[in-house]
Amino acid sequence: MNEITAFGVPGWSWLNPPAEWSTVDGLTVTTKDDSDFWRTTHYDFVRDTGHALLRPVRGDFELRLSFTGDYAEQYDQAGALLRVDERNWIKTGIEFVDGEHFLSAVVTRDFSDWSVVALAELTEAVTLHVDRTGDAVTIRYGVGAAEPSTMLRLAYLPPGGDVLVGPMCASPQGKGFTTRFHHFEVRT
């Protein structure tokens, strides 16, 4: 894979390159259709076709990400991915479900689970703050100018070794949509 510089930092690479992308002024991505991250639960399928621009991080870290999207079709989604491997990962962000925006977290340890919090009409950027300490990942969010202080989820992620982290997006049922990642940083 070719190494990519994004958000002023080298060392990124695509897991499943999207239809279109640009690193001018952050990261702008247009998803491919039929893209998703999910394992088995309820739907009885495994999909590992979502788009994620990732770089390795070791040990404890804090991740901060701000983004907006043109969500239009069922399950259009964007946010952050923390990936140990194809069976152990967390994705969190916005998911468009039944015409509404939801803050979403999917935690996968062989099987995916999904939790959501409904949001009012989304007209501003969402900011995520993801903190990994040992085996625990805490996900907080804020909308617009709000500091990401509302807790969405506390989850397990296997400790030790590298974790691939970065922006992710997918269109499981849609024809593709565009999302803009305005800011992304990781502090170790």
Protein backbone atom coordinates (compact mmCIF):
# COMPACT_ATOMS: atom_id res chain seq x y z
CA MET A 1 0.00 0.00 0.00
CA ASN A 2 1.14 3.54 -0.68
CA GLU A 3 1.81 5.70 2.35
CA ILE A 4 -0.44 8.76 2.51
CA THR A 5 0.01 12.07 4.33
CA ALA A 6 -3.22 13.37 5.87
CA PHE A 7 -3.96 15.89 8.62
CA GLY A 8 -0.28 16.91 8.40
CA VAL A 9 0.94 13.43 9.41
CA PRO A 10 2.50 10.72 7.19
CA GLY A 11 2.00 6.98 7.61
CA TRP A 12 -1.66 6.52 6.62
CA SER A 13 -2.96 3.78 4.32
CA TRP A 14 -6.39 2.79 3.07
CA LEU A 15 -8.30 -0.25 4.21
CA ASN A 16 -10.65 -0.58 1.21
CA PRO A 17 -10.03 2.61 -0.81
CA PRO A 18 -13.21 4.65 -1.46
CA ALA A 19 -14.65 5.80 -4.79
CA GLU A 20 -12.99 9.22 -4.42
CA TRP A 21 -10.90 11.00 -1.80
CA SER A 22 -8.79 14.08 -1.22
CA THR A 23 -6.53 15.22 1.63
CA VAL A 24 -6.93 18.92 0.83
CA ASP A 25 -8.29 20.76 3.91
CA GLY A 26 -8.60 17.60 6.02
CA LEU A 27 -10.03 14.54 4.28
CA THR A 28 -13.00 14.37 1.91
CA VAL A 29 -14.29 10.91 0.99
CA THR A 30 -17.01 9.63 -1.33
CA THR A 31 -17.97 6.08 -0.40
CA LYS A 32 -18.61 3.16 -2.69
CA ASP A 33 -21.99 1.46 -2.49
CA ASP A 34 -22.37 -1.83 -0.59
CA SER A 35 -19.58 -0.93 1.85
CA ASP A 36 -19.78 -1.73 5.57
CA PHE A 37 -18.11 -3.09 8.70
CA TRP A 38 -20.20 -5.75 10.48
CA ARG A 39 -19.86 -9.32 11.80
CA THR A 40 -22.72 -11.83 11.95
CA THR A 41 -25.07 -10.62 14.71
CA HIS A 42 -28.73 -10.35 13.63
CA TYR A 43 -27.93 -10.05 9.89
CA ASP A 44 -25.96 -13.32 9.52
CA PHE A 45 -23.29 -11.81 7.26
CA VAL A 46 -19.74 -10.56 7.58
CA ARG A 47 -18.77 -7.34 5.84
CA ASP A 48 -15.31 -5.86 6.00
CA THR A 49 -15.64 -3.54 3.02
CA GLY A 50 -16.04 -0.11 4.66
CA HIS A 51 -13.47 2.60 3.94
CA ALA A 52 -10.93 3.58 6.59
CA LEU A 53 -7.79 5.68 6.38
CA LEU A 54 -5.67 4.13 9.13
CA ARG A 55 -2.33 4.42 10.90
CA PRO A 56 -0.91 2.32 13.74
CA VAL A 57 -0.90 3.51 17.36
CA ARG A 58 0.60 1.56 20.27
CA GLY A 59 -0.53 1.63 23.89
CA ASP A 60 -2.84 4.21 25.44
CA PHE A 61 -4.04 7.12 23.31
CA GLU A 62 -6.64 9.82 22.83
CA LEU A 63 -8.24 10.38 19.46
CA ARG A 64 -10.20 13.48 18.46
CA LEU A 65 -12.14 13.74 15.20
CA SER A 66 -14.57 16.34 13.76
CA PHE A 67 -16.63 15.59 10.66
CA THR A 68 -19.75 16.34 8.63
CA GLY A 69 -21.52 14.23 6.01
CA ASP A 70 -24.17 14.29 3.32
CA TYR A 71 -26.06 11.34 4.79
CA ALA A 72 -28.99 10.42 2.57
CA GLU A 73 -29.66 6.69 2.47
CA GLN A 74 -30.26 3.95 5.02
CA TYR A 75 -27.17 3.22 7.17
CA ASP A 76 -24.89 5.85 5.56
CA GLN A 77 -22.21 6.23 8.23
CA ALA A 78 -19.01 8.11 9.08
CA GLY A 79 -16.73 8.45 12.09
CA ALA A 80 -13.70 6.66 13.54
CA LEU A 81 -12.44 3.08 13.42
CA LEU A 82 -10.15 1.37 15.96
CA ARG A 83 -9.04 -1.95 14.52
CA VAL A 84 -6.99 -4.72 16.08
CA ASP A 85 -7.91 -7.15 13.28
CA GLU A 86 -10.97 -8.18 11.24
CA ARG A 87 -12.58 -9.79 14.34
CA ASN A 88 -11.76 -7.13 16.97
CA TRP A 89 -12.66 -3.51 16.27
CA ILE A 90 -14.77 -0.53 17.25
CA LYS A 91 -16.44 1.93 14.90
CA THR A 92 -18.20 5.03 16.17
CA GLY A 93 -19.78 8.08 14.57
CA ILE A 94 -22.99 9.08 12.84
CA GLU A 95 -25.29 6.56 11.23
CA PHE A 96 -28.36 7.56 9.21
CA VAL A 97 -31.25 5.21 10.09
CA ASP A 98 -34.89 5.53 9.02
CA GLY A 99 -34.37 9.17 8.05
CA GLU A 100 -32.74 10.17 11.36
CA HIS A 101 -29.18 10.80 12.55
CA PHE A 102 -27.90 8.61 15.37
CA LEU A 103 -24.66 8.67 17.33
CA SER A 104 -23.53 5.08 16.91
CA ALA A 105 -21.01 2.67 18.35
CA VAL A 106 -20.39 -0.86 17.08
CA VAL A 107 -18.10 -3.00 19.20
CA THR A 108 -16.92 -6.24 17.62
CA ARG A 109 -15.28 -9.19 19.35
CA ASP A 110 -16.05 -11.92 16.82
CA PHE A 111 -19.68 -10.68 16.84
CA SER A 112 -20.82 -7.09 16.36
CA ASP A 113 -23.11 -5.25 18.75
CA TRP A 114 -24.65 -1.86 18.08
CA SER A 115 -25.74 0.98 20.33
CA VAL A 116 -27.23 4.30 19.26
CA VAL A 117 -28.36 7.66 20.63
CA ALA A 118 -30.83 9.71 18.57
CA LEU A 119 -29.81 13.25 17.65
CA ALA A 120 -31.90 16.22 16.61
CA GLU A 121 -31.55 17.31 12.99
CA LEU A 122 -27.84 17.39 12.32
CA THR A 123 -26.68 20.69 10.81
CA GLU A 124 -23.25 21.03 12.41
CA ALA A 125 -20.05 19.01 12.72
CA VAL A 126 -19.85 16.18 15.22
CA THR A 127 -16.72 15.82 17.33
CA LEU A 128 -15.69 12.50 18.83
CA HIS A 129 -13.22 12.00 21.66
CA VAL A 130 -12.06 8.40 22.00
CA ASP A 131 -9.78 7.49 24.91
CA ARG A 132 -8.04 4.11 25.10
CA THR A 133 -6.55 3.20 28.48
CA GLY A 134 -5.40 -0.40 28.84
CA ASP A 135 -8.28 -2.59 27.73
CA ALA A 136 -10.94 0.15 27.99
CA VAL A 137 -12.15 2.52 25.28
CA THR A 138 -14.33 5.47 26.30
CA ILE A 139 -16.26 7.24 23.54
CA ARG A 140 -17.55 10.79 24.08
CA TYR A 141 -19.20 13.17 21.63
CA GLY A 142 -20.28 16.75 21.11
CA VAL A 143 -22.28 18.47 18.35
CA GLY A 144 -21.38 21.88 16.92
CA ALA A 145 -19.37 24.00 19.33
CA ALA A 146 -20.08 21.62 22.24
CA GLU A 147 -17.07 19.97 23.83
CA PRO A 148 -17.22 16.15 23.34
CA SER A 149 -18.16 15.45 26.95
CA THR A 150 -21.31 13.29 26.62
CA MET A 151 -20.42 9.63 27.06
CA LEU A 152 -21.72 7.27 24.40
CA ARG A 153 -19.97 4.04 25.30
CA LEU A 154 -17.38 2.32 27.46
CA ALA A 155 -16.08 -0.79 25.68
CA TYR A 156 -13.41 -3.47 25.78
CA LEU A 157 -10.62 -3.61 23.19
CA PRO A 158 -7.84 -6.18 23.57
CA PRO A 159 -4.79 -4.52 25.17
CA GLY A 160 -1.21 -4.55 23.87
CA GLY A 161 0.13 -4.36 20.36
CA ASP A 162 -0.72 -1.88 17.64
CA VAL A 163 -4.23 -0.64 16.96
CA LEU A 164 -5.02 0.84 13.56
CA VAL A 165 -6.98 4.07 13.99
CA GLY A 166 -8.50 6.64 11.66
CA PRO A 167 -11.53 8.06 9.91
CA MET A 168 -14.02 5.57 8.45
CA CYS A 169 -17.17 5.75 6.33
CA ALA A 170 -19.49 3.34 4.53
CA SER A 171 -22.72 3.02 2.54
CA PRO A 172 -24.18 -0.44 3.29
CA GLN A 173 -27.40 0.15 1.30
CA GLY A 174 -26.83 3.49 -0.41
CA LYS A 175 -25.25 4.52 -3.66
CA GLY A 176 -22.42 6.33 -1.87
CA PHE A 177 -22.20 9.70 -0.13
CA THR A 178 -19.61 12.33 0.70
CA THR A 179 -18.22 13.04 4.14
CA ARG A 180 -15.66 15.61 5.27
CA PHE A 181 -13.27 14.95 8.12
CA HIS A 182 -12.26 18.42 9.25
CA HIS A 183 -9.88 17.47 12.03
CA PHE A 184 -8.18 14.30 13.23
CA GLU A 185 -5.47 13.92 15.85
CA VAL A 186 -4.08 11.21 18.07
CA ARG A 187 -2.18 11.87 21.29
CA THR A 188 -0.18 9.08 22.91
